[in-house]
Amino acid sequence: MQRNVANLIAVLTILFVITACVCRSDREQDKGTPTPEKTAANTRSEPSNPTAPNKKDEGDFIVEQTPVTDPKYVVIDNEVRSEKLLQKAADRLNKALILPQDIFLRTKVCGEKNAFYDSEDSSVTVCYELMDHFYRVFRSDGLSDDKAYEKMFDAVRFVFLHEIGHALIDNYKLPVAGNEEDAADRCSAYVNLEELGDEGVRAVFAAAEAFAIESKQRGGSRGRDLADEHMLQEQRFYNSLCMIYGSNSVKYGNILTEGYLPKERAVRCESEYARTRQSWIDLLKPWRKS
């Protein structure tokens, strides 16, 4: 994990400047960990958005960084700190969004391969173990070392935006008519496709590919998968492709012509994506500062 540090820096910069969405995960916090360093930009001001006259900006995105001692991740952590990437990203987020309370942004060694939003302390965390997991998933599918790292960074972008989505759903008390995990996936797809251009498209494609590979590897664990709050990996695969195809069916027509997405689903993807896009525009509009 000490390779392609520059790529990780670019990814983290993008991850934290997006004003997007994700899902809820009530997790107990680690006990006995070092006291994190906390930084936040003081950017609270009266919103200039006329659609949010009664929204008070009472919080900030705050970066928390705890010491990393695992040699697998020290180099990456040092680069993130020295470039002040999280602090710069928090500053941009604070200038863009009204918050009812503080939201903490973290990257750290977690002891598990995960990324999550914790409603107990309103924090979003991406674990270095998850990055390593994605790298191994892509390597297991026959990709070269360099290509697996590239795909890993793209997939992490999708997942992190998913968790940011959970944070906004919780803090803004946004209505979710259906599965929140699916809503968070669609939020991430929307932000990636609308805001990040080709990089965002690569993120959604990478996530879809990871979902497909993981589905093959899980094999006989179907019963446990059905009990999980997340959609099945196969469903997340097809939903992600539908979002890409629906965003521009001409540009991404190969998703249909090459058989990645069934025609019966593809014919509905344009309207499906349009509804997703407009829903998130409407939900987030009252909370934008301008």
Protein backbone atom coordinates (compact mmCIF):
# COMPACT_ATOMS: atom_id res chain seq x y z
CA MET A 1 0.00 0.00 0.00
CA GLN A 2 3.02 2.29 -0.17
CA ARG A 3 2.71 2.62 -3.91
CA ASN A 4 0.92 5.18 -6.05
CA VAL A 5 0.70 7.65 -3.18
CA ALA A 6 0.12 10.45 -5.66
CA ASN A 7 -3.00 8.68 -6.92
CA LEU A 8 -4.34 8.37 -3.40
CA ILE A 9 -3.74 12.06 -2.79
CA ALA A 10 -5.75 12.94 -5.90
CA VAL A 11 -8.55 10.60 -4.85
CA LEU A 12 -8.79 11.94 -1.30
CA THR A 13 -8.84 15.51 -2.57
CA ILE A 14 -11.85 14.68 -4.74
CA LEU A 15 -13.56 12.59 -2.07
CA PHE A 16 -13.80 15.37 0.43
CA VAL A 17 -14.70 18.26 -1.85
CA ILE A 18 -17.95 16.66 -3.01
CA THR A 19 -21.19 17.88 -1.54
CA ALA A 20 -22.94 14.52 -1.74
CA CYS A 21 -24.72 11.71 0.15
CA VAL A 22 -24.62 8.31 1.85
CA CYS A 23 -25.94 5.78 4.48
CA ARG A 24 -26.14 5.15 8.22
CA SER A 25 -24.05 2.67 10.20
CA ASP A 26 -24.36 2.74 14.00
CA ARG A 27 -20.97 1.45 15.06
CA GLU A 28 -19.26 1.49 18.43
CA GLN A 29 -16.16 3.63 18.42
CA ASP A 30 -12.68 2.18 19.03
CA LYS A 31 -11.61 2.29 22.67
CA GLY A 32 -8.16 3.27 23.83
CA THR A 33 -6.96 4.81 20.57
CA PRO A 34 -4.66 7.85 20.58
CA THR A 35 -6.34 11.24 20.84
CA PRO A 36 -6.83 12.50 17.28
CA GLU A 37 -5.75 15.85 16.00
CA LYS A 38 -8.76 17.99 15.08
CA THR A 39 -8.83 20.77 12.53
CA ALA A 40 -11.68 22.66 10.96
CA ALA A 41 -12.12 25.69 8.79
CA ASN A 42 -14.05 28.53 10.41
CA THR A 43 -16.36 29.28 7.52
CA ARG A 44 -19.77 29.60 9.13
CA SER A 45 -21.77 32.39 7.58
CA GLU A 46 -25.31 33.29 6.69
CA PRO A 47 -26.34 31.32 3.60
CA SER A 48 -26.88 33.25 0.39
CA ASN A 49 -29.23 30.54 -0.89
CA PRO A 50 -32.77 32.02 -0.93
CA THR A 51 -34.28 28.50 -0.70
CA ALA A 52 -32.81 28.06 2.79
CA PRO A 53 -33.90 31.17 4.74
CA ASN A 54 -34.40 29.24 7.99
CA LYS A 55 -31.34 26.99 7.81
CA LYS A 56 -28.67 27.92 10.35
CA ASP A 57 -25.08 26.92 9.78
CA GLU A 58 -24.21 25.42 13.17
CA GLY A 59 -21.54 22.90 12.23
CA ASP A 60 -18.35 22.25 10.31
CA PHE A 61 -16.68 19.36 8.57
CA ILE A 62 -13.81 18.60 10.94
CA VAL A 63 -10.77 16.47 10.13
CA GLU A 64 -9.57 14.01 12.75
CA GLN A 65 -6.23 12.27 12.26
CA THR A 66 -4.86 9.66 14.66
CA PRO A 67 -1.25 8.39 14.54
CA VAL A 68 -0.71 5.47 12.17
CA THR A 69 1.92 2.95 13.24
CA ASP A 70 1.21 0.05 10.86
CA PRO A 71 4.13 0.09 8.38
CA LYS A 72 1.77 -0.85 5.54
CA TYR A 73 0.05 2.53 5.79
CA VAL A 74 2.55 4.95 7.36
CA VAL A 75 3.79 6.39 4.06
CA ILE A 76 0.29 7.08 2.78
CA ASP A 77 -0.77 8.63 6.07
CA ASN A 78 2.31 10.87 6.13
CA GLU A 79 1.56 12.13 2.62
CA VAL A 80 -2.05 12.93 3.51
CA ARG A 81 -0.89 14.88 6.57
CA SER A 82 1.96 16.77 4.93
CA GLU A 83 -0.21 17.94 2.04
CA LYS A 84 -3.04 18.93 4.45
CA LEU A 85 -5.45 17.30 2.01
CA LEU A 86 -8.24 16.64 4.47
CA GLN A 87 -8.06 20.13 5.90
CA LYS A 88 -8.27 21.72 2.45
CA ALA A 89 -11.18 19.49 1.53
CA ALA A 90 -13.04 20.27 4.76
CA ASP A 91 -12.61 23.96 4.00
CA ARG A 92 -14.24 23.55 0.59
CA LEU A 93 -17.10 21.52 2.03
CA ASN A 94 -17.73 24.08 4.74
CA LYS A 95 -17.94 26.83 2.13
CA ALA A 96 -20.47 24.80 0.13
CA LEU A 97 -22.86 23.30 2.68
CA ILE A 98 -24.91 24.38 5.66
CA LEU A 99 -24.57 21.91 8.56
CA PRO A 100 -26.78 21.53 11.64
CA GLN A 101 -23.82 20.05 13.58
CA ASP A 102 -20.19 19.03 13.11
CA ILE A 103 -19.34 16.06 10.87
CA PHE A 104 -15.95 14.42 11.39
CA LEU A 105 -13.87 13.12 8.45
CA ARG A 106 -11.37 10.34 9.09
CA THR A 107 -8.97 8.02 7.34
CA LYS A 108 -7.33 5.47 9.60
CA VAL A 109 -6.34 1.89 10.32
CA CYS A 110 -9.54 0.34 11.66
CA GLY A 111 -8.74 -3.33 12.25
CA GLU A 112 -11.34 -4.24 9.61
CA LYS A 113 -11.90 -3.69 5.89
CA ASN A 114 -14.62 -1.09 5.98
CA ALA A 115 -15.85 2.43 5.37
CA PHE A 116 -18.70 3.71 7.48
CA TYR A 117 -20.78 6.56 8.79
CA ASP A 118 -21.28 6.54 12.57
CA SER A 119 -24.40 8.40 13.70
CA GLU A 120 -23.28 8.31 17.34
CA ASP A 121 -20.60 10.93 16.76
CA SER A 122 -21.53 11.99 13.23
CA SER A 123 -18.33 10.79 11.57
CA VAL A 124 -17.31 9.37 8.20
CA THR A 125 -14.37 6.96 8.16
CA VAL A 126 -12.58 5.17 5.34
CA CYS A 127 -10.25 2.41 6.51
CA TYR A 128 -6.89 1.70 4.95
CA GLU A 129 -7.80 -1.99 5.17
CA LEU A 130 -10.63 -1.40 2.70
CA MET A 131 -8.19 0.03 0.19
CA ASP A 132 -6.03 -3.06 0.55
CA HIS A 133 -9.11 -5.26 0.14
CA PHE A 134 -10.09 -3.64 -3.14
CA TYR A 135 -6.53 -4.01 -4.40
CA ARG A 136 -6.62 -7.74 -3.63
CA VAL A 137 -10.05 -8.14 -5.22
CA PHE A 138 -8.84 -6.69 -8.50
CA ARG A 139 -5.57 -8.64 -8.37
CA SER A 140 -7.56 -11.85 -7.87
CA ASP A 141 -9.35 -11.16 -11.14
CA GLY A 142 -6.07 -11.19 -13.05
CA LEU A 143 -5.30 -7.47 -13.22
CA SER A 144 -1.71 -6.31 -13.11
CA ASP A 145 -0.31 -4.76 -9.96
CA ASP A 146 -0.48 -1.21 -11.31
CA LYS A 147 -3.96 -1.65 -12.79
CA ALA A 148 -5.27 -3.13 -9.54
CA TYR A 149 -4.03 -0.10 -7.60
CA GLU A 150 -5.63 2.24 -10.12
CA LYS A 151 -8.97 0.42 -9.88
CA MET A 152 -8.71 0.37 -6.09
CA PHE A 153 -8.51 4.16 -5.86
CA ASP A 154 -11.50 4.52 -8.18
CA ALA A 155 -13.62 2.07 -6.15
CA VAL A 156 -12.70 3.82 -2.90
CA ARG A 157 -13.99 7.10 -4.30
CA PHE A 158 -17.38 5.51 -4.95
CA VAL A 159 -17.58 3.96 -1.48
CA PHE A 160 -16.51 7.10 0.34
CA LEU A 161 -19.14 9.17 -1.41
CA HIS A 162 -21.64 6.51 -0.42
CA GLU A 163 -20.73 7.11 3.23
CA ILE A 164 -20.83 10.90 2.85
CA GLY A 165 -24.35 10.34 1.58
CA HIS A 166 -25.31 8.48 4.76
CA ALA A 167 -23.97 11.39 6.79
CA LEU A 168 -26.12 13.93 4.95
CA ILE A 169 -29.21 11.72 5.05
CA ASP A 170 -28.83 11.49 8.82
CA ASN A 171 -27.86 15.08 9.58
CA TYR A 172 -30.37 16.65 7.19
CA LYS A 173 -33.09 14.15 8.15
CA LEU A 174 -33.70 13.51 4.46
CA PRO A 175 -36.64 11.28 3.52
CA VAL A 176 -35.65 7.92 2.04
CA ALA A 177 -38.54 6.03 0.48
CA GLY A 178 -36.87 2.63 0.22
CA ASN A 179 -33.56 1.00 1.08
CA GLU A 180 -31.13 3.62 2.42
CA GLU A 181 -28.10 1.65 1.24
CA ASP A 182 -29.46 1.74 -2.29
CA ALA A 183 -30.17 5.46 -1.93
CA ALA A 184 -26.57 6.00 -0.85
CA ASP A 185 -25.26 4.02 -3.83
CA ARG A 186 -27.38 6.11 -6.17
CA CYS A 187 -26.24 9.30 -4.49
CA SER A 188 -22.62 8.31 -5.03
CA ALA A 189 -23.33 7.45 -8.65
CA TYR A 190 -25.11 10.77 -9.16
CA VAL A 191 -22.25 12.83 -7.71
CA ASN A 192 -19.58 10.88 -9.58
CA LEU A 193 -21.36 11.11 -12.92
CA GLU A 194 -22.53 14.72 -12.59
CA GLU A 195 -19.57 16.35 -10.85
CA LEU A 196 -16.40 14.37 -11.59
CA GLY A 197 -16.53 13.73 -15.31
CA ASP A 198 -14.41 10.85 -16.60
CA GLU A 199 -12.90 10.25 -13.16
CA GLY A 200 -16.37 9.80 -11.74
CA VAL A 201 -17.37 7.41 -14.50
CA ARG A 202 -14.27 5.32 -13.75
CA ALA A 203 -15.26 5.26 -10.07
CA VAL A 204 -18.72 3.88 -10.78
CA PHE A 205 -17.34 1.34 -13.26
CA ALA A 206 -14.69 0.23 -10.75
CA ALA A 207 -17.26 -0.20 -8.00
CA ALA A 208 -19.50 -2.21 -10.32
CA GLU A 209 -16.56 -4.43 -11.27
CA ALA A 210 -15.66 -4.98 -7.62
CA PHE A 211 -19.27 -5.90 -6.83
CA ALA A 212 -19.24 -8.49 -9.63
CA ILE A 213 -15.93 -10.04 -8.55
CA GLU A 214 -16.96 -10.18 -4.89
CA SER A 215 -20.23 -11.83 -5.87
CA LYS A 216 -18.37 -14.63 -7.65
CA GLN A 217 -16.02 -15.11 -4.72
CA ARG A 218 -18.76 -15.32 -2.09
CA GLY A 219 -20.38 -18.31 -3.73
CA GLY A 220 -22.39 -20.18 -1.11
CA SER A 221 -23.04 -17.32 1.32
CA ARG A 222 -26.34 -16.32 -0.29
CA GLY A 223 -28.43 -16.70 2.88
CA ARG A 224 -26.24 -14.29 4.83
CA ASP A 225 -26.19 -11.86 1.91
CA LEU A 226 -29.99 -11.79 1.75
CA ALA A 227 -30.13 -10.82 5.43
CA ASP A 228 -27.76 -7.88 4.98
CA GLU A 229 -29.12 -4.33 4.73
CA HIS A 230 -27.10 -3.78 1.56
CA MET A 231 -28.35 -4.85 -1.83
CA LEU A 232 -26.87 -8.05 -3.24
CA GLN A 233 -23.56 -7.42 -4.97
CA GLU A 234 -25.12 -8.50 -8.28
CA GLN A 235 -27.85 -5.91 -7.82
CA ARG A 236 -25.33 -3.19 -7.00
CA PHE A 237 -23.41 -4.20 -10.14
CA TYR A 238 -26.44 -3.82 -12.42
CA ASN A 239 -27.71 -0.67 -10.66
CA SER A 240 -24.32 1.00 -11.10
CA LEU A 241 -24.21 0.14 -14.79
CA CYS A 242 -27.78 1.40 -15.19
CA MET A 243 -26.81 4.74 -13.68
CA ILE A 244 -23.88 5.11 -16.08
CA TYR A 245 -25.93 4.07 -19.11
CA GLY A 246 -28.85 6.26 -18.08
CA SER A 247 -26.63 9.32 -17.72
CA ASN A 248 -25.69 9.13 -21.42
CA SER A 249 -27.03 6.14 -23.35
CA VAL A 250 -25.20 7.18 -26.53
CA LYS A 251 -21.76 7.65 -25.00
CA TYR A 252 -22.02 4.48 -22.92
CA GLY A 253 -24.02 2.44 -25.42
CA ASN A 254 -21.47 -0.37 -25.26
CA ILE A 255 -22.89 -1.31 -21.84
CA LEU A 256 -25.95 -2.51 -23.73
CA THR A 257 -24.47 -3.65 -27.05
CA GLU A 258 -21.78 -5.75 -25.36
CA GLY A 259 -24.31 -7.45 -23.12
CA TYR A 260 -23.30 -6.07 -19.74
CA LEU A 261 -26.83 -4.80 -19.07
CA PRO A 262 -30.01 -6.63 -20.17
CA LYS A 263 -32.12 -4.72 -22.68
CA GLU A 264 -35.19 -5.10 -20.44
CA ARG A 265 -33.43 -3.04 -17.77
CA ALA A 266 -31.57 -0.69 -20.09
CA VAL A 267 -34.76 0.77 -21.60
CA ARG A 268 -35.68 2.17 -18.18
CA CYS A 269 -32.26 3.48 -17.18
CA GLU A 270 -32.58 6.98 -18.68
CA SER A 271 -35.76 7.75 -16.72
CA GLU A 272 -34.33 5.97 -13.66
CA TYR A 273 -31.22 8.12 -13.72
CA ALA A 274 -33.21 11.30 -14.37
CA ARG A 275 -35.36 10.65 -11.29
CA THR A 276 -32.30 9.91 -9.17
CA ARG A 277 -30.55 13.07 -10.34
CA GLN A 278 -33.53 15.35 -9.74
CA SER A 279 -34.25 13.80 -6.36
CA TRP A 280 -30.78 14.58 -5.03
CA ILE A 281 -30.83 18.07 -6.53
CA ASP A 282 -34.08 18.80 -4.72
CA LEU A 283 -33.03 17.19 -1.42
CA LEU A 284 -29.72 19.04 -1.16
CA LYS A 285 -30.87 22.40 -2.53
CA PRO A 286 -32.05 23.84 0.84
CA TRP A 287 -28.68 23.05 2.40
CA ARG A 288 -26.43 24.70 -0.14
CA LYS A 289 -24.91 28.03 0.84
CA SER A 290 -25.25 29.40 -2.67
